[in-house]
């Protein structure tokens, strides 16, 4: 069975330097479970080999959001980077875990990971697919903002992207709503709004 999908290949950054390897793998499993539970994935996100994981979505915004949610759930224990591709995916054996599959969709996602290998900056997300120029410009700017967040900021952003209102986020964090509002006004609000705009269909002029 073949289908055109937006594919995601992720791997953990610097995980071999973390002493608690079991904790890292547990955290990865929890992050992938959360994405599978909260987002409409086309293929479940699941670990593959070593510190890699993969999954697929039917739209680019969903793939971009899923990749980001995994990263935010893992920080600050360990960081993650993701290559996102697009193309036909052929599943040869759906009974195996992970699925036995291949195709241009996965080849392009691997290409995106290789681009990240060659970058000198701390890029964490790359897209190898149609209109990659503006998409990657967005991803570079977004990831730069996320790199400047503290631990609480990362948690607040993740909760916001999962759909929690600011008042509820304040209760979950045990802080005043005004403190959450300040975080939104500094940088989190920009990420949330940019992700919303990225997910919205373009309006015709």
N, C-alpha and C. Protein backbone atom coordinates (compact mmCIF):
# COMPACT_ATOMS: atom_id res chain seq x y z
N UNK A 1 0.85 -1.19 0.00
CA UNK A 1 0.00 0.00 0.00
C UNK A 1 0.88 1.24 0.00
N UNK A 2 0.60 2.18 -0.91
CA UNK A 2 1.39 3.40 -1.00
C UNK A 2 0.51 4.61 -0.71
N UNK A 3 1.12 5.62 -0.10
CA UNK A 3 0.41 6.84 0.25
C UNK A 3 1.41 7.97 0.36
N UNK A 4 1.04 9.16 -0.10
CA UNK A 4 1.89 10.33 0.05
C UNK A 4 1.74 10.89 1.46
N UNK A 5 2.85 10.98 2.18
CA UNK A 5 2.82 11.41 3.58
C UNK A 5 3.96 12.39 3.86
N UNK A 6 3.77 13.16 4.93
CA UNK A 6 4.84 13.98 5.48
C UNK A 6 5.50 13.15 6.58
N UNK A 7 6.72 12.78 6.35
CA UNK A 7 7.43 11.84 7.21
C UNK A 7 8.38 12.57 8.15
N UNK A 8 8.58 12.00 9.31
CA UNK A 8 9.46 12.59 10.33
C UNK A 8 10.45 11.54 10.80
N UNK A 9 11.73 11.87 10.71
CA UNK A 9 12.78 11.05 11.32
C UNK A 9 13.47 11.93 12.35
N UNK A 10 13.48 11.50 13.58
CA UNK A 10 14.12 12.26 14.65
C UNK A 10 15.22 11.47 15.32
N UNK A 11 16.15 12.18 15.92
CA UNK A 11 17.13 11.50 16.77
C UNK A 11 17.50 12.41 17.94
N UNK A 12 18.00 11.80 18.98
CA UNK A 12 18.35 12.51 20.20
C UNK A 12 19.75 13.09 20.08
N UNK A 13 19.91 14.29 20.59
CA UNK A 13 21.18 15.02 20.49
C UNK A 13 21.94 14.90 21.81
N UNK A 14 23.14 14.36 21.75
CA UNK A 14 23.97 14.26 22.94
C UNK A 14 23.49 13.28 23.98
N UNK A 15 22.66 12.35 23.58
CA UNK A 15 22.08 11.43 24.56
C UNK A 15 23.12 10.48 25.16
N UNK A 16 24.19 10.23 24.43
CA UNK A 16 25.20 9.29 24.94
C UNK A 16 25.96 9.87 26.12
N UNK A 17 25.89 11.21 26.29
CA UNK A 17 26.54 11.83 27.43
C UNK A 17 25.67 11.84 28.67
N UNK A 18 24.41 11.45 28.52
CA UNK A 18 23.49 11.40 29.66
C UNK A 18 23.69 10.07 30.39
N UNK A 19 23.95 10.14 31.67
CA UNK A 19 24.23 8.91 32.42
C UNK A 19 23.00 8.01 32.54
N UNK A 20 21.84 8.64 32.72
CA UNK A 20 20.62 7.86 32.91
C UNK A 20 20.03 7.48 31.56
N UNK A 21 20.63 6.49 30.91
CA UNK A 21 20.15 6.07 29.59
C UNK A 21 18.74 5.51 29.66
N UNK A 22 18.43 4.81 30.74
CA UNK A 22 17.08 4.27 30.89
C UNK A 22 16.06 5.40 31.00
N UNK A 23 16.44 6.45 31.72
CA UNK A 23 15.55 7.60 31.86
C UNK A 23 15.32 8.29 30.53
N UNK A 24 16.38 8.37 29.70
CA UNK A 24 16.25 8.99 28.38
C UNK A 24 15.27 8.20 27.51
N UNK A 25 15.43 6.89 27.49
CA UNK A 25 14.54 6.07 26.67
C UNK A 25 13.11 6.11 27.19
N UNK A 26 12.95 6.17 28.51
CA UNK A 26 11.61 6.28 29.09
C UNK A 26 10.96 7.60 28.69
N UNK A 27 11.76 8.68 28.75
CA UNK A 27 11.23 10.00 28.38
C UNK A 27 10.85 10.04 26.90
N UNK A 28 11.66 9.41 26.05
CA UNK A 28 11.35 9.36 24.63
C UNK A 28 10.03 8.63 24.41
N UNK A 29 9.87 7.50 25.07
CA UNK A 29 8.63 6.74 24.93
C UNK A 29 7.41 7.55 25.35
N UNK A 30 7.55 8.30 26.45
CA UNK A 30 6.44 9.13 26.92
C UNK A 30 6.13 10.26 25.95
N UNK A 31 7.19 10.85 25.36
CA UNK A 31 6.99 11.93 24.40
C UNK A 31 6.28 11.43 23.15
N UNK A 32 6.68 10.27 22.66
CA UNK A 32 6.04 9.71 21.46
C UNK A 32 4.60 9.30 21.75
N UNK A 33 4.36 8.74 22.93
CA UNK A 33 3.00 8.36 23.31
C UNK A 33 2.09 9.59 23.37
N UNK A 34 2.64 10.70 23.88
CA UNK A 34 1.83 11.91 23.98
C UNK A 34 1.42 12.42 22.60
N UNK A 35 2.36 12.42 21.66
CA UNK A 35 2.05 12.85 20.30
C UNK A 35 0.99 11.94 19.67
N UNK A 36 1.17 10.64 19.83
CA UNK A 36 0.21 9.70 19.25
C UNK A 36 -1.18 9.85 19.87
N UNK A 37 -1.21 10.25 21.12
CA UNK A 37 -2.49 10.38 21.83
C UNK A 37 -3.19 11.70 21.51
N UNK A 38 -2.44 12.75 21.27
CA UNK A 38 -3.03 14.08 21.16
C UNK A 38 -3.12 14.61 19.72
N UNK A 39 -2.40 14.01 18.77
CA UNK A 39 -2.39 14.50 17.40
C UNK A 39 -2.88 13.42 16.43
N UNK A 40 -3.48 13.83 15.31
CA UNK A 40 -4.02 12.86 14.34
C UNK A 40 -2.94 12.34 13.40
N UNK A 41 -2.05 11.51 13.92
CA UNK A 41 -0.92 11.02 13.11
C UNK A 41 -1.40 9.97 12.12
N UNK A 42 -0.73 9.93 10.96
CA UNK A 42 -1.04 8.92 9.95
C UNK A 42 -0.34 7.61 10.26
N UNK A 43 0.87 7.70 10.78
CA UNK A 43 1.60 6.55 11.29
C UNK A 43 2.08 6.90 12.68
N UNK A 44 1.88 6.03 13.65
CA UNK A 44 2.31 6.34 15.03
C UNK A 44 3.80 6.65 15.10
N UNK A 45 4.14 7.61 15.95
CA UNK A 45 5.54 7.90 16.22
C UNK A 45 6.08 6.83 17.16
N UNK A 46 7.19 6.21 16.77
CA UNK A 46 7.73 5.10 17.55
C UNK A 46 9.24 5.04 17.42
N UNK A 47 9.91 4.49 18.43
CA UNK A 47 11.36 4.34 18.35
C UNK A 47 11.72 3.35 17.25
N UNK A 48 12.90 3.54 16.66
CA UNK A 48 13.36 2.61 15.63
C UNK A 48 14.65 1.95 16.09
N UNK A 49 15.80 2.55 15.76
CA UNK A 49 17.09 1.97 16.14
C UNK A 49 17.88 2.99 16.95
N UNK A 50 18.49 2.52 18.04
CA UNK A 50 19.31 3.41 18.86
C UNK A 50 18.49 4.56 19.41
N UNK A 51 18.90 5.78 19.09
CA UNK A 51 18.22 6.97 19.59
C UNK A 51 17.32 7.62 18.53
N UNK A 52 16.97 6.88 17.50
CA UNK A 52 16.11 7.43 16.45
C UNK A 52 14.65 7.05 16.67
N UNK A 53 13.80 7.84 16.07
CA UNK A 53 12.36 7.56 16.08
C UNK A 53 11.76 8.10 14.79
N UNK A 54 10.55 7.66 14.47
CA UNK A 54 9.93 8.11 13.24
C UNK A 54 8.41 8.06 13.36
N UNK A 55 7.76 8.80 12.47
CA UNK A 55 6.31 8.83 12.40
C UNK A 55 5.92 9.57 11.14
N UNK A 56 4.64 9.65 10.87
CA UNK A 56 4.20 10.32 9.65
C UNK A 56 2.84 10.97 9.87
N UNK A 57 2.60 12.04 9.10
CA UNK A 57 1.35 12.80 9.18
C UNK A 57 0.84 13.08 7.77
N UNK A 58 -0.41 13.46 7.67
CA UNK A 58 -0.99 13.74 6.36
C UNK A 58 -0.80 15.18 5.92
N UNK A 59 -0.33 16.05 6.82
CA UNK A 59 -0.10 17.45 6.46
C UNK A 59 1.22 17.93 7.03
N UNK A 60 1.81 18.93 6.38
CA UNK A 60 3.07 19.48 6.86
C UNK A 60 2.92 20.16 8.22
N UNK A 61 1.88 20.98 8.45
CA UNK A 61 1.73 21.59 9.78
C UNK A 61 1.65 20.56 10.90
N UNK A 62 0.96 19.45 10.66
CA UNK A 62 0.87 18.41 11.69
C UNK A 62 2.23 17.77 11.94
N UNK A 63 3.00 17.54 10.88
CA UNK A 63 4.33 16.96 11.05
C UNK A 63 5.24 17.91 11.81
N UNK A 64 5.18 19.20 11.48
CA UNK A 64 6.00 20.20 12.16
C UNK A 64 5.63 20.29 13.63
N UNK A 65 4.33 20.26 13.93
CA UNK A 65 3.89 20.35 15.32
C UNK A 65 4.27 19.09 16.09
N UNK A 66 4.07 17.94 15.50
CA UNK A 66 4.42 16.68 16.18
C UNK A 66 5.90 16.64 16.51
N UNK A 67 6.74 17.04 15.56
CA UNK A 67 8.18 17.04 15.80
C UNK A 67 8.54 17.98 16.94
N UNK A 68 7.89 19.13 16.99
CA UNK A 68 8.18 20.09 18.05
C UNK A 68 7.71 19.59 19.41
N UNK A 69 6.55 18.97 19.46
CA UNK A 69 6.03 18.48 20.74
C UNK A 69 6.95 17.42 21.34
N UNK A 70 7.52 16.56 20.50
CA UNK A 70 8.47 15.57 21.00
C UNK A 70 9.67 16.28 21.62
N UNK A 71 10.20 17.27 20.92
CA UNK A 71 11.38 17.98 21.43
C UNK A 71 11.08 18.67 22.75
N UNK A 72 9.94 19.35 22.83
CA UNK A 72 9.61 20.09 24.06
C UNK A 72 9.40 19.15 25.23
N UNK A 73 8.84 17.98 24.99
CA UNK A 73 8.61 17.02 26.07
C UNK A 73 9.94 16.46 26.59
N UNK A 74 10.95 16.36 25.72
CA UNK A 74 12.24 15.79 26.11
C UNK A 74 13.14 16.80 26.84
N UNK A 75 13.04 18.08 26.47
CA UNK A 75 13.87 19.09 27.12
C UNK A 75 13.49 19.26 28.59
N UNK A 76 14.44 19.51 29.49
CA UNK A 76 15.88 19.72 29.27
C UNK A 76 16.72 18.45 29.44
N UNK A 77 16.06 17.30 29.63
CA UNK A 77 16.83 16.06 29.83
C UNK A 77 17.75 15.79 28.64
N UNK A 78 17.20 15.93 27.45
CA UNK A 78 17.96 15.70 26.23
C UNK A 78 17.27 16.45 25.11
N UNK A 79 18.04 16.87 24.11
CA UNK A 79 17.46 17.59 22.98
C UNK A 79 17.20 16.61 21.83
N UNK A 80 16.43 17.06 20.86
CA UNK A 80 16.11 16.23 19.70
C UNK A 80 16.12 17.09 18.45
N UNK A 81 16.41 16.48 17.34
CA UNK A 81 16.34 17.15 16.04
C UNK A 81 15.53 16.27 15.10
N UNK A 82 14.90 16.89 14.12
CA UNK A 82 14.01 16.16 13.23
C UNK A 82 14.19 16.57 11.78
N UNK A 83 14.25 15.59 10.91
CA UNK A 83 14.17 15.81 9.48
C UNK A 83 12.77 15.46 9.02
N UNK A 84 12.16 16.36 8.27
CA UNK A 84 10.80 16.15 7.77
C UNK A 84 10.86 16.05 6.25
N UNK A 85 10.21 15.04 5.70
CA UNK A 85 10.20 14.84 4.26
C UNK A 85 8.79 14.73 3.72
N UNK A 86 8.70 14.54 2.42
CA UNK A 86 7.39 14.37 1.79
C UNK A 86 7.55 13.47 0.57
N UNK A 87 6.58 12.56 0.40
CA UNK A 87 6.58 11.72 -0.78
C UNK A 87 5.81 10.43 -0.53
N UNK A 88 5.83 9.59 -1.54
CA UNK A 88 5.14 8.31 -1.44
C UNK A 88 5.83 7.40 -0.42
N UNK A 89 5.02 6.76 0.39
CA UNK A 89 5.51 5.78 1.36
C UNK A 89 4.81 4.46 1.08
N UNK A 90 5.61 3.41 0.92
CA UNK A 90 5.06 2.08 0.65
C UNK A 90 5.29 1.18 1.86
N UNK A 91 4.21 0.67 2.43
CA UNK A 91 4.28 -0.26 3.56
C UNK A 91 4.27 -1.68 3.01
N UNK A 92 5.33 -2.42 3.26
CA UNK A 92 5.44 -3.78 2.75
C UNK A 92 4.91 -4.81 3.74
N UNK A 93 4.98 -4.49 5.02
CA UNK A 93 4.49 -5.42 6.04
C UNK A 93 3.98 -4.61 7.23
N UNK A 94 2.66 -4.50 7.34
CA UNK A 94 2.04 -3.69 8.40
C UNK A 94 1.98 -4.42 9.73
N UNK A 95 2.39 -5.71 9.76
CA UNK A 95 2.32 -6.47 11.00
C UNK A 95 3.57 -6.28 11.85
N UNK A 96 4.61 -5.71 11.26
CA UNK A 96 5.87 -5.54 11.97
C UNK A 96 5.89 -4.20 12.70
N UNK A 97 6.66 -4.12 13.80
CA UNK A 97 6.85 -2.89 14.54
C UNK A 97 8.34 -2.67 14.76
N UNK A 98 8.93 -1.57 14.20
CA UNK A 98 8.25 -0.61 13.33
C UNK A 98 7.87 -1.21 11.99
N UNK A 99 7.02 -0.50 11.25
CA UNK A 99 6.54 -1.00 9.97
C UNK A 99 7.70 -1.25 9.01
N UNK A 100 7.55 -2.29 8.19
CA UNK A 100 8.52 -2.55 7.13
C UNK A 100 8.08 -1.72 5.92
N UNK A 101 8.82 -0.65 5.61
CA UNK A 101 8.37 0.30 4.60
C UNK A 101 9.56 1.04 4.02
N UNK A 102 9.32 1.69 2.88
CA UNK A 102 10.31 2.56 2.28
C UNK A 102 9.60 3.49 1.31
N UNK A 103 10.40 4.21 0.51
CA UNK A 103 9.80 5.11 -0.47
C UNK A 103 10.38 6.51 -0.39
N UNK A 104 10.09 7.35 -1.38
CA UNK A 104 10.63 8.71 -1.43
C UNK A 104 10.31 9.55 -0.19
N UNK A 105 9.19 9.28 0.44
CA UNK A 105 8.86 10.03 1.65
C UNK A 105 9.92 9.87 2.72
N UNK A 106 10.37 8.65 2.94
CA UNK A 106 11.40 8.40 3.95
C UNK A 106 12.78 8.83 3.46
N UNK A 107 13.03 8.71 2.17
CA UNK A 107 14.33 9.13 1.65
C UNK A 107 14.50 10.65 1.83
N UNK A 108 13.44 11.40 1.62
CA UNK A 108 13.55 12.85 1.76
C UNK A 108 13.70 13.25 3.23
N UNK A 109 13.05 12.52 4.14
CA UNK A 109 13.23 12.81 5.56
C UNK A 109 14.67 12.54 5.99
N UNK A 110 15.26 11.47 5.46
CA UNK A 110 16.66 11.17 5.76
C UNK A 110 17.57 12.25 5.17
N UNK A 111 17.22 12.75 4.00
CA UNK A 111 17.97 13.85 3.40
C UNK A 111 17.96 15.07 4.32
N UNK A 112 16.79 15.34 4.91
CA UNK A 112 16.68 16.50 5.82
C UNK A 112 17.56 16.31 7.05
N UNK A 113 17.62 15.10 7.59
CA UNK A 113 18.49 14.83 8.73
C UNK A 113 19.95 15.05 8.35
N UNK A 114 20.31 14.64 7.16
CA UNK A 114 21.70 14.82 6.70
C UNK A 114 22.05 16.29 6.54
N UNK A 115 21.08 17.11 6.14
CA UNK A 115 21.32 18.55 6.08
C UNK A 115 21.64 19.08 7.47
N UNK A 116 20.90 18.64 8.48
CA UNK A 116 21.17 19.06 9.85
C UNK A 116 22.56 18.63 10.29
N UNK A 117 23.00 17.46 9.83
CA UNK A 117 24.36 16.99 10.15
C UNK A 117 25.41 17.98 9.68
N UNK A 118 25.16 18.62 8.54
CA UNK A 118 26.16 19.49 7.96
C UNK A 118 26.06 20.94 8.37
N UNK A 119 25.10 21.29 9.19
CA UNK A 119 24.94 22.69 9.58
C UNK A 119 25.81 23.02 10.78
N UNK A 120 26.39 24.22 10.76
CA UNK A 120 27.27 24.64 11.85
C UNK A 120 26.50 25.19 13.04
N UNK A 121 25.29 25.67 12.80
CA UNK A 121 24.52 26.21 13.92
C UNK A 121 23.80 25.08 14.63
N UNK A 122 22.96 25.44 15.57
CA UNK A 122 22.26 24.43 16.37
C UNK A 122 20.87 24.15 15.81
N UNK A 123 20.76 24.08 14.48
CA UNK A 123 19.48 23.80 13.86
C UNK A 123 18.89 22.48 14.34
N UNK A 124 17.59 22.49 14.59
CA UNK A 124 16.95 21.29 15.13
C UNK A 124 15.87 20.72 14.23
N UNK A 125 15.45 21.46 13.18
CA UNK A 125 14.38 20.98 12.31
C UNK A 125 14.68 21.40 10.88
N UNK A 126 14.46 20.48 9.94
CA UNK A 126 14.67 20.80 8.53
C UNK A 126 13.65 20.06 7.69
N UNK A 127 13.22 20.70 6.60
CA UNK A 127 12.22 20.11 5.72
C UNK A 127 12.82 19.92 4.34
N UNK A 128 12.69 18.73 3.77
CA UNK A 128 13.13 18.43 2.41
C UNK A 128 11.89 18.03 1.61
N UNK A 129 11.24 19.03 1.03
CA UNK A 129 10.01 18.79 0.29
C UNK A 129 9.61 20.02 -0.49
N UNK A 130 8.39 20.07 -1.00
CA UNK A 130 7.94 21.21 -1.79
C UNK A 130 7.98 22.52 -1.00
N UNK A 131 8.37 23.60 -1.67
CA UNK A 131 8.42 24.93 -1.04
C UNK A 131 9.30 24.93 0.20
N UNK A 132 10.39 24.22 0.15
CA UNK A 132 11.23 24.08 1.34
C UNK A 132 11.87 25.39 1.79
N UNK A 133 12.07 26.32 0.87
CA UNK A 133 12.72 27.58 1.23
C UNK A 133 11.98 28.34 2.32
N UNK A 134 10.73 28.76 2.08
CA UNK A 134 9.99 29.49 3.12
C UNK A 134 9.71 28.64 4.35
N UNK A 135 9.52 27.34 4.16
CA UNK A 135 9.27 26.47 5.32
C UNK A 135 10.48 26.44 6.23
N UNK A 136 11.66 26.28 5.66
CA UNK A 136 12.87 26.21 6.48
C UNK A 136 13.22 27.57 7.09
N UNK A 137 12.88 28.66 6.39
CA UNK A 137 13.08 29.98 6.98
C UNK A 137 12.24 30.11 8.26
N UNK A 138 11.00 29.63 8.20
CA UNK A 138 10.14 29.64 9.39
C UNK A 138 10.72 28.77 10.50
N UNK A 139 11.16 27.57 10.15
CA UNK A 139 11.67 26.63 11.15
C UNK A 139 12.93 27.16 11.83
N UNK A 140 13.81 27.79 11.07
CA UNK A 140 15.04 28.34 11.64
C UNK A 140 14.71 29.41 12.68
N UNK A 141 13.81 30.34 12.32
CA UNK A 141 13.45 31.42 13.25
C UNK A 141 12.74 30.87 14.48
N UNK A 142 11.83 29.92 14.28
CA UNK A 142 11.11 29.35 15.41
C UNK A 142 12.04 28.64 16.37
N UNK A 143 12.95 27.84 15.83
CA UNK A 143 13.87 27.10 16.70
C UNK A 143 14.82 28.03 17.44
N UNK A 144 15.18 29.14 16.83
CA UNK A 144 16.05 30.11 17.51
C UNK A 144 15.36 30.67 18.75
N UNK A 145 14.06 30.92 18.64
CA UNK A 145 13.31 31.42 19.80
C UNK A 145 13.25 30.36 20.88
N UNK A 146 12.97 29.13 20.49
CA UNK A 146 12.84 28.04 21.47
C UNK A 146 14.16 27.81 22.20
N UNK A 147 15.27 27.97 21.51
CA UNK A 147 16.58 27.78 22.13
C UNK A 147 16.83 28.77 23.26
N UNK A 148 16.11 29.89 23.28
CA UNK A 148 16.31 30.92 24.30
C UNK A 148 15.37 30.75 25.50
N UNK A 149 14.47 29.78 25.45
CA UNK A 149 13.53 29.58 26.54
C UNK A 149 14.20 28.87 27.71
N UNK A 150 13.79 29.23 28.93
CA UNK A 150 14.23 28.48 30.10
C UNK A 150 13.34 27.26 30.28
N UNK A 151 13.61 26.47 31.32
CA UNK A 151 12.86 25.23 31.50
C UNK A 151 11.37 25.48 31.64
N UNK A 152 10.99 26.48 32.43
CA UNK A 152 9.57 26.78 32.60
C UNK A 152 8.96 27.24 31.29
N UNK A 153 9.70 28.05 30.54
CA UNK A 153 9.19 28.51 29.26
C UNK A 153 8.92 27.36 28.31
N UNK A 154 9.79 26.36 28.31
CA UNK A 154 9.59 25.17 27.47
C UNK A 154 8.32 24.45 27.88
N UNK A 155 8.11 24.29 29.17
CA UNK A 155 6.90 23.59 29.65
C UNK A 155 5.64 24.38 29.28
N UNK A 156 5.69 25.69 29.45
CA UNK A 156 4.52 26.52 29.15
C UNK A 156 4.21 26.46 27.66
N UNK A 157 5.22 26.52 26.82
CA UNK A 157 5.00 26.45 25.38
C UNK A 157 4.37 25.12 25.00
N UNK A 158 4.88 24.03 25.55
CA UNK A 158 4.33 22.72 25.24
C UNK A 158 2.85 22.64 25.64
N UNK A 159 2.52 23.13 26.83
CA UNK A 159 1.13 23.09 27.28
C UNK A 159 0.23 23.94 26.39
N UNK A 160 0.76 25.09 25.97
CA UNK A 160 -0.01 25.97 25.09
C UNK A 160 -0.28 25.30 23.74
N UNK A 161 0.73 24.63 23.19
CA UNK A 161 0.56 23.97 21.90
C UNK A 161 -0.35 22.75 22.01
N UNK A 162 -0.48 22.21 23.21
CA UNK A 162 -1.41 21.11 23.44
C UNK A 162 -2.84 21.61 23.66
N UNK A 163 -3.01 22.93 23.67
CA UNK A 163 -4.35 23.49 23.74
C UNK A 163 -4.81 23.98 25.10
N UNK A 164 -3.90 24.01 26.09
CA UNK A 164 -4.30 24.48 27.42
C UNK A 164 -4.37 26.00 27.44
N UNK A 165 -5.44 26.59 28.00
CA UNK A 165 -5.51 28.05 28.13
C UNK A 165 -4.54 28.54 29.20
N UNK A 166 -4.24 29.83 29.17
CA UNK A 166 -3.23 30.39 30.07
C UNK A 166 -3.58 30.17 31.54
N UNK A 167 -4.85 30.31 31.89
CA UNK A 167 -5.26 30.13 33.30
C UNK A 167 -4.96 28.70 33.76
N UNK A 168 -5.24 27.75 32.91
CA UNK A 168 -4.99 26.35 33.26
C UNK A 168 -3.49 26.06 33.34
N UNK A 169 -2.73 26.68 32.45
CA UNK A 169 -1.28 26.52 32.48
C UNK A 169 -0.72 27.04 33.80
N UNK A 170 -1.24 28.19 34.25
CA UNK A 170 -0.79 28.76 35.53
C UNK A 170 -1.07 27.79 36.68
N UNK A 171 -2.24 27.16 36.67
CA UNK A 171 -2.58 26.20 37.72
C UNK A 171 -1.66 24.98 37.67
N UNK A 172 -1.37 24.48 36.47
CA UNK A 172 -0.50 23.32 36.34
C UNK A 172 0.93 23.62 36.77
N UNK A 173 1.37 24.86 36.53
CA UNK A 173 2.73 25.27 36.89
C UNK A 173 2.82 25.77 38.33
N UNK A 174 1.66 26.04 38.95
CA UNK A 174 1.66 26.56 40.32
C UNK A 174 2.17 27.98 40.41
N UNK A 175 1.83 28.80 39.40
CA UNK A 175 2.28 30.20 39.38
C UNK A 175 1.08 31.10 39.10
N UNK A 176 1.30 32.41 39.26
CA UNK A 176 0.23 33.36 39.00
C UNK A 176 -0.04 33.45 37.49
N UNK A 177 -1.29 33.67 37.10
CA UNK A 177 -1.60 33.84 35.67
C UNK A 177 -0.81 34.97 35.03
N UNK A 178 -0.49 36.01 35.81
CA UNK A 178 0.29 37.13 35.26
C UNK A 178 1.68 36.68 34.83
N UNK A 179 2.24 35.69 35.55
CA UNK A 179 3.56 35.18 35.17
C UNK A 179 3.50 34.45 33.82
N UNK A 180 2.42 33.72 33.60
CA UNK A 180 2.24 33.06 32.30
C UNK A 180 2.05 34.09 31.21
N UNK A 181 1.26 35.13 31.51
CA UNK A 181 1.02 36.19 30.54
C UNK A 181 2.32 36.88 30.14
N UNK A 182 3.22 37.07 31.11
CA UNK A 182 4.51 37.69 30.81
C UNK A 182 5.33 36.81 29.87
N UNK A 183 5.29 35.50 30.11
CA UNK A 183 6.02 34.59 29.23
C UNK A 183 5.48 34.66 27.80
N UNK A 184 4.15 34.77 27.68
CA UNK A 184 3.55 34.87 26.35
C UNK A 184 3.95 36.16 25.66
N UNK A 185 4.00 37.25 26.41
CA UNK A 185 4.32 38.54 25.81
C UNK A 185 5.78 38.63 25.38
N UNK A 186 6.65 37.84 26.01
CA UNK A 186 8.07 37.90 25.67
C UNK A 186 8.38 37.11 24.41
N UNK A 187 8.00 35.84 24.38
CA UNK A 187 8.38 35.03 23.23
C UNK A 187 7.44 33.86 22.94
N UNK A 188 6.81 33.30 23.96
CA UNK A 188 5.98 32.12 23.76
C UNK A 188 4.79 32.44 22.87
N UNK A 189 4.20 33.61 23.08
CA UNK A 189 3.06 34.00 22.26
C UNK A 189 3.41 34.06 20.79
N UNK A 190 4.63 34.52 20.48
CA UNK A 190 5.07 34.60 19.09
C UNK A 190 5.16 33.21 18.46
N UNK A 191 5.68 32.25 19.22
CA UNK A 191 5.78 30.88 18.70
C UNK A 191 4.39 30.29 18.49
N UNK A 192 3.50 30.46 19.46
CA UNK A 192 2.15 29.91 19.36
C UNK A 192 1.42 30.51 18.16
N UNK A 193 1.50 31.83 18.01
CA UNK A 193 0.80 32.48 16.90
C UNK A 193 1.42 32.11 15.56
N UNK A 194 2.74 31.98 15.51
CA UNK A 194 3.37 31.60 14.24
C UNK A 194 3.00 30.17 13.85
N UNK A 195 2.90 29.28 14.83
CA UNK A 195 2.48 27.91 14.54
C UNK A 195 1.03 27.90 14.07
N UNK A 196 0.20 28.73 14.65
CA UNK A 196 -1.20 28.81 14.23
C UNK A 196 -1.30 29.33 12.80
N UNK A 197 -0.52 30.37 12.49
CA UNK A 197 -0.53 30.93 11.15
C UNK A 197 0.00 29.93 10.14
N UNK A 198 1.03 29.18 10.52
CA UNK A 198 1.63 28.17 9.64
C UNK A 198 0.62 27.07 9.33
N UNK A 199 -0.26 26.79 10.29
CA UNK A 199 -1.24 25.72 10.13
C UNK A 199 -2.49 26.16 9.37
N UNK A 200 -2.66 27.47 9.18
CA UNK A 200 -3.88 27.98 8.55
C UNK A 200 -3.71 28.01 7.04
N UNK A 201 -4.77 27.68 6.31
CA UNK A 201 -4.70 27.78 4.84
C UNK A 201 -4.44 29.21 4.41
N UNK A 202 -3.65 29.38 3.37
CA UNK A 202 -3.37 30.72 2.88
C UNK A 202 -4.62 31.32 2.26
N UNK A 203 -4.85 32.58 2.63
CA UNK A 203 -6.00 33.27 2.08
C UNK A 203 -5.65 33.86 0.72
N UNK A 204 -6.57 33.75 -0.19
CA UNK A 204 -6.33 34.33 -1.51
C UNK A 204 -6.51 35.83 -1.45
N UNK A 205 -5.71 36.58 -2.20
CA UNK A 205 -5.78 38.04 -2.17
C UNK A 205 -6.92 38.53 -3.04
